[in-house]
Amino acid sequence: NRNYSTYWRWLMLHAKIIDVSKEKIETKNAEEFIASSNYGASLVFYGTVRDINDNQKVKGITYDVHEELVIKSFNEIYDEADKKLKIVKKSVFIEHVKGHVGLGEISIIIAVACPHRAEAYTLSRYIIEEIKKRSPIWKKEHYENKDSEWLKGNPINF
């Protein structure tokens, strides 16, 4: 018994945390979610584990999240795009992993579809920058020398 606007929003946003100990983050899910002839531009961003950070050789990252607050932040970022970016017609898919991710593996997928390419590029960049700034996601880097370190994050503003 959803009202129409809530139902429509539900169709246009997918936001999920993937516990990699139970399931795999799948690129095809993002592509399928945003596929529509209603949009003229689609972009898919994959964030992956890179091999060097701060002059240390990285072999993997363990992500920890406050799942409820992360999903809340994804929803807020989606809603803010209407007001701040004036991008109302859009389809957005966001998944972030929880758990250990190896070198070169995907940690986040952001897929967007909009009527025009400028909107798609702007929206995709806005989403990843806002997630990095304010979503409660922590990462522990694992280095080739066997050391591990939790990285400094951004303070959460309530």
C-alpha atoms as a PDB file:
ATOM      1  CA  ASN A   1       0.000   0.000   0.000  1.00  0.00           C
ATOM      2  CA  ARG A   2       2.701   2.487  -1.028  1.00  0.00           C
ATOM      3  CA  ASN A   3       1.883   5.903  -2.295  1.00  0.00           C
ATOM      4  CA  TYR A   4       2.844   6.534  -5.905  1.00  0.00           C
ATOM      5  CA  SER A   5       5.896   8.757  -5.283  1.00  0.00           C
ATOM      6  CA  THR A   6       7.418   6.322  -2.767  1.00  0.00           C
ATOM      7  CA  TYR A   7       6.818   3.446  -5.168  1.00  0.00           C
ATOM      8  CA  TRP A   8       8.384   5.352  -8.080  1.00  0.00           C
ATOM      9  CA  ARG A   9      11.417   6.267  -5.965  1.00  0.00           C
ATOM     10  CA  TRP A  10      11.809   2.620  -4.960  1.00  0.00           C
ATOM     11  CA  LEU A  11      11.962   1.690  -8.645  1.00  0.00           C
ATOM     12  CA  MET A  12      14.656   4.291  -9.351  1.00  0.00           C
ATOM     13  CA  LEU A  13      17.084   3.634  -6.462  1.00  0.00           C
ATOM     14  CA  HIS A  14      18.826   0.444  -5.457  1.00  0.00           C
ATOM     15  CA  ALA A  15      21.035   0.779  -2.357  1.00  0.00           C
ATOM     16  CA  LYS A  16      22.614  -2.248  -0.702  1.00  0.00           C
ATOM     17  CA  ILE A  17      25.559  -3.464   1.360  1.00  0.00           C
ATOM     18  CA  ILE A  18      27.067  -6.702   0.054  1.00  0.00           C
ATOM     19  CA  ASP A  19      28.550  -8.950   2.741  1.00  0.00           C
ATOM     20  CA  VAL A  20      31.250 -10.657   0.680  1.00  0.00           C
ATOM     21  CA  SER A  21      31.335 -13.618   3.070  1.00  0.00           C
ATOM     22  CA  LYS A  22      27.775 -14.447   1.896  1.00  0.00           C
ATOM     23  CA  GLU A  23      27.454 -13.116  -1.657  1.00  0.00           C
ATOM     24  CA  LYS A  24      29.382 -11.503  -4.459  1.00  0.00           C
ATOM     25  CA  ILE A  25      29.073  -7.964  -5.806  1.00  0.00           C
ATOM     26  CA  GLU A  26      27.817  -8.398  -9.388  1.00  0.00           C
ATOM     27  CA  THR A  27      28.392  -5.852 -12.150  1.00  0.00           C
ATOM     28  CA  LYS A  28      25.552  -7.245 -14.264  1.00  0.00           C
ATOM     29  CA  ASN A  29      23.039  -6.291 -11.553  1.00  0.00           C
ATOM     30  CA  ALA A  30      24.007  -2.630 -11.898  1.00  0.00           C
ATOM     31  CA  GLU A  31      23.832  -2.696 -15.676  1.00  0.00           C
ATOM     32  CA  GLU A  32      20.431  -4.390 -15.646  1.00  0.00           C
ATOM     33  CA  PHE A  33      19.014  -1.990 -13.049  1.00  0.00           C
ATOM     34  CA  ILE A  34      19.784   1.170 -15.028  1.00  0.00           C
ATOM     35  CA  ALA A  35      18.963  -0.241 -18.478  1.00  0.00           C
ATOM     36  CA  SER A  36      16.074   1.759 -19.944  1.00  0.00           C
ATOM     37  CA  SER A  37      15.155   3.510 -23.141  1.00  0.00           C
ATOM     38  CA  ASN A  38      13.907   6.403 -20.956  1.00  0.00           C
ATOM     39  CA  TYR A  39      17.501   7.590 -20.565  1.00  0.00           C
ATOM     40  CA  GLY A  40      20.046   8.724 -23.122  1.00  0.00           C
ATOM     41  CA  ALA A  41      23.096   8.346 -20.885  1.00  0.00           C
ATOM     42  CA  SER A  42      24.273   5.589 -18.556  1.00  0.00           C
ATOM     43  CA  LEU A  43      27.487   5.371 -16.540  1.00  0.00           C
ATOM     44  CA  VAL A  44      28.873   2.635 -14.330  1.00  0.00           C
ATOM     45  CA  PHE A  45      31.652   3.398 -11.830  1.00  0.00           C
ATOM     46  CA  TYR A  46      33.636   0.590 -10.216  1.00  0.00           C
ATOM     47  CA  GLY A  47      35.815   1.386  -7.222  1.00  0.00           C
ATOM     48  CA  THR A  48      38.563  -1.224  -6.909  1.00  0.00           C
ATOM     49  CA  VAL A  49      41.413  -2.025  -4.534  1.00  0.00           C
ATOM     50  CA  ARG A  50      44.597  -0.464  -5.875  1.00  0.00           C
ATOM     51  CA  ASP A  51      48.093  -1.803  -5.302  1.00  0.00           C
ATOM     52  CA  ILE A  52      49.786   1.169  -3.596  1.00  0.00           C
ATOM     53  CA  ASN A  53      48.580   3.697  -1.031  1.00  0.00           C
ATOM     54  CA  ASP A  54      50.853   6.106   0.845  1.00  0.00           C
ATOM     55  CA  ASN A  55      53.937   4.346  -0.583  1.00  0.00           C
ATOM     56  CA  GLN A  56      52.872   0.983   0.846  1.00  0.00           C
ATOM     57  CA  LYS A  57      52.110  -2.095  -1.259  1.00  0.00           C
ATOM     58  CA  VAL A  58      48.500  -3.048  -0.594  1.00  0.00           C
ATOM     59  CA  LYS A  59      47.298  -6.640  -0.965  1.00  0.00           C
ATOM     60  CA  GLY A  60      43.698  -6.133   0.162  1.00  0.00           C
ATOM     61  CA  ILE A  61      41.222  -4.102   2.204  1.00  0.00           C
ATOM     62  CA  THR A  62      38.714  -5.102   4.849  1.00  0.00           C
ATOM     63  CA  TYR A  63      35.646  -2.853   4.881  1.00  0.00           C
ATOM     64  CA  ASP A  64      33.422  -2.446   7.905  1.00  0.00           C
ATOM     65  CA  VAL A  65      30.179  -0.502   7.789  1.00  0.00           C
ATOM     66  CA  HIS A  66      27.301   0.665   9.944  1.00  0.00           C
ATOM     67  CA  GLU A  67      24.806  -0.846   7.531  1.00  0.00           C
ATOM     68  CA  GLU A  68      21.675   1.023   8.589  1.00  0.00           C
ATOM     69  CA  LEU A  69      23.421   4.413   8.522  1.00  0.00           C
ATOM     70  CA  VAL A  70      25.170   3.676   5.229  1.00  0.00           C
ATOM     71  CA  ILE A  71      21.871   2.857   3.520  1.00  0.00           C
ATOM     72  CA  LYS A  72      20.345   5.969   5.084  1.00  0.00           C
ATOM     73  CA  SER A  73      23.197   8.077   3.685  1.00  0.00           C
ATOM     74  CA  PHE A  74      22.774   6.529   0.212  1.00  0.00           C
ATOM     75  CA  ASN A  75      19.070   7.441   0.296  1.00  0.00           C
ATOM     76  CA  GLU A  76      19.825  10.996   1.450  1.00  0.00           C
ATOM     77  CA  ILE A  77      22.427  11.482  -1.275  1.00  0.00           C
ATOM     78  CA  TYR A  78      19.919  10.273  -3.872  1.00  0.00           C
ATOM     79  CA  ASP A  79      17.256  12.666  -2.558  1.00  0.00           C
ATOM     80  CA  GLU A  80      19.665  15.614  -2.416  1.00  0.00           C
ATOM     81  CA  ALA A  81      20.452  15.222  -6.111  1.00  0.00           C
ATOM     82  CA  ASP A  82      16.924  16.494  -6.816  1.00  0.00           C
ATOM     83  CA  LYS A  83      17.513  19.699  -4.879  1.00  0.00           C
ATOM     84  CA  LYS A  84      21.237  20.400  -5.256  1.00  0.00           C
ATOM     85  CA  LEU A  85      21.817  19.171  -8.794  1.00  0.00           C
ATOM     86  CA  LYS A  86      18.285  19.581 -10.167  1.00  0.00           C
ATOM     87  CA  ILE A  87      18.473  16.029 -11.523  1.00  0.00           C
ATOM     88  CA  VAL A  88      15.018  14.625 -10.896  1.00  0.00           C
ATOM     89  CA  LYS A  89      14.720  12.033 -13.653  1.00  0.00           C
ATOM     90  CA  LYS A  90      17.350   9.419 -12.819  1.00  0.00           C
ATOM     91  CA  SER A  91      18.002   5.798 -12.008  1.00  0.00           C
ATOM     92  CA  VAL A  92      20.692   5.031  -9.432  1.00  0.00           C
ATOM     93  CA  PHE A  93      22.294   1.773  -8.302  1.00  0.00           C
ATOM     94  CA  ILE A  94      24.720   1.778  -5.343  1.00  0.00           C
ATOM     95  CA  GLU A  95      26.317  -1.271  -3.750  1.00  0.00           C
ATOM     96  CA  HIS A  96      29.269  -1.295  -1.359  1.00  0.00           C
ATOM     97  CA  VAL A  97      30.998  -4.317   0.074  1.00  0.00           C
ATOM     98  CA  LYS A  98      31.462  -5.336   3.679  1.00  0.00           C
ATOM     99  CA  GLY A  99      34.343  -7.690   4.422  1.00  0.00           C
ATOM    100  CA  HIS A 100      37.684  -8.482   2.799  1.00  0.00           C
ATOM    101  CA  VAL A 101      38.353  -7.495  -0.817  1.00  0.00           C
ATOM    102  CA  GLY A 102      41.530  -8.486  -2.640  1.00  0.00           C
ATOM    103  CA  LEU A 103      43.777  -6.496  -4.936  1.00  0.00           C
ATOM    104  CA  GLY A 104      41.924  -5.362  -8.059  1.00  0.00           C
ATOM    105  CA  GLU A 105      38.525  -6.481  -6.767  1.00  0.00           C
ATOM    106  CA  ILE A 106      35.452  -4.239  -6.704  1.00  0.00           C
ATOM    107  CA  SER A 107      34.529  -2.505  -3.452  1.00  0.00           C
ATOM    108  CA  ILE A 108      31.761  -0.211  -4.747  1.00  0.00           C
ATOM    109  CA  ILE A 109      29.527   0.035  -7.792  1.00  0.00           C
ATOM    110  CA  ILE A 110      27.695   3.226  -8.652  1.00  0.00           C
ATOM    111  CA  ALA A 111      25.569   3.109 -11.788  1.00  0.00           C
ATOM    112  CA  VAL A 112      23.464   6.021 -12.969  1.00  0.00           C
ATOM    113  CA  ALA A 113      21.156   6.694 -15.877  1.00  0.00           C
ATOM    114  CA  CYS A 114      19.882  10.148 -16.831  1.00  0.00           C
ATOM    115  CA  PRO A 115      18.341  11.760 -19.890  1.00  0.00           C
ATOM    116  CA  HIS A 116      21.658  13.457 -20.844  1.00  0.00           C
ATOM    117  CA  ARG A 117      25.381  12.668 -20.440  1.00  0.00           C
ATOM    118  CA  ALA A 118      26.261  15.859 -18.529  1.00  0.00           C
ATOM    119  CA  GLU A 119      23.711  14.916 -15.865  1.00  0.00           C
ATOM    120  CA  ALA A 120      25.015  11.341 -15.677  1.00  0.00           C
ATOM    121  CA  TYR A 121      28.629  12.458 -15.188  1.00  0.00           C
ATOM    122  CA  THR A 122      27.660  15.094 -12.613  1.00  0.00           C
ATOM    123  CA  LEU A 123      25.418  12.703 -10.694  1.00  0.00           C
ATOM    124  CA  SER A 124      27.946   9.865 -10.618  1.00  0.00           C
ATOM    125  CA  ARG A 125      30.712  12.162  -9.350  1.00  0.00           C
ATOM    126  CA  TYR A 126      28.406  13.747  -6.765  1.00  0.00           C
ATOM    127  CA  ILE A 127      27.384  10.340  -5.381  1.00  0.00           C
ATOM    128  CA  ILE A 128      30.920   8.973  -4.934  1.00  0.00           C
ATOM    129  CA  GLU A 129      32.244  12.200  -3.395  1.00  0.00           C
ATOM    130  CA  GLU A 130      29.341  12.385  -0.925  1.00  0.00           C
ATOM    131  CA  ILE A 131      29.714   8.711   0.034  1.00  0.00           C
ATOM    132  CA  LYS A 132      33.434   9.249   0.709  1.00  0.00           C
ATOM    133  CA  LYS A 133      32.650  12.331   2.825  1.00  0.00           C
ATOM    134  CA  ARG A 134      29.855  11.063   5.020  1.00  0.00           C
ATOM    135  CA  SER A 135      28.944   7.396   4.845  1.00  0.00           C
ATOM    136  CA  PRO A 136      30.099   5.371   7.885  1.00  0.00           C
ATOM    137  CA  ILE A 137      32.366   2.990   5.979  1.00  0.00           C
ATOM    138  CA  TRP A 138      35.760   2.131   7.459  1.00  0.00           C
ATOM    139  CA  LYS A 139      38.636   0.419   5.741  1.00  0.00           C
ATOM    140  CA  LYS A 140      41.590  -1.526   7.008  1.00  0.00           C
ATOM    141  CA  GLU A 141      44.403  -1.884   4.509  1.00  0.00           C
ATOM    142  CA  HIS A 142      46.465  -5.054   4.469  1.00  0.00           C
ATOM    143  CA  TYR A 143      50.050  -4.651   3.255  1.00  0.00           C
ATOM    144  CA  GLU A 144      52.530  -7.034   1.676  1.00  0.00           C
ATOM    145  CA  ASN A 145      54.827  -6.675   4.713  1.00  0.00           C
ATOM    146  CA  LYS A 146      52.051  -8.341   6.785  1.00  0.00           C
ATOM    147  CA  ASP A 147      51.068  -5.116   8.591  1.00  0.00           C
ATOM    148  CA  SER A 148      47.491  -3.834   8.578  1.00  0.00           C
ATOM    149  CA  GLU A 149      46.144  -0.404   9.369  1.00  0.00           C
ATOM    150  CA  TRP A 150      42.707   1.185   9.785  1.00  0.00           C
ATOM    151  CA  LEU A 151      42.691   4.314   7.646  1.00  0.00           C
ATOM    152  CA  LYS A 152      41.639   7.694   8.943  1.00  0.00           C
ATOM    153  CA  GLY A 153      38.167   8.622   7.793  1.00  0.00           C
ATOM    154  CA  ASN A 154      35.990  11.680   7.804  1.00  0.00           C
ATOM    155  CA  PRO A 155      34.021  12.616  10.913  1.00  0.00           C
ATOM    156  CA  ILE A 156      30.291  11.973  10.674  1.00  0.00           C
ATOM    157  CA  ASN A 157      28.098  15.038  11.112  1.00  0.00           C
ATOM    158  CA  PHE A 158      24.681  14.363  12.620  1.00  0.00           C
END
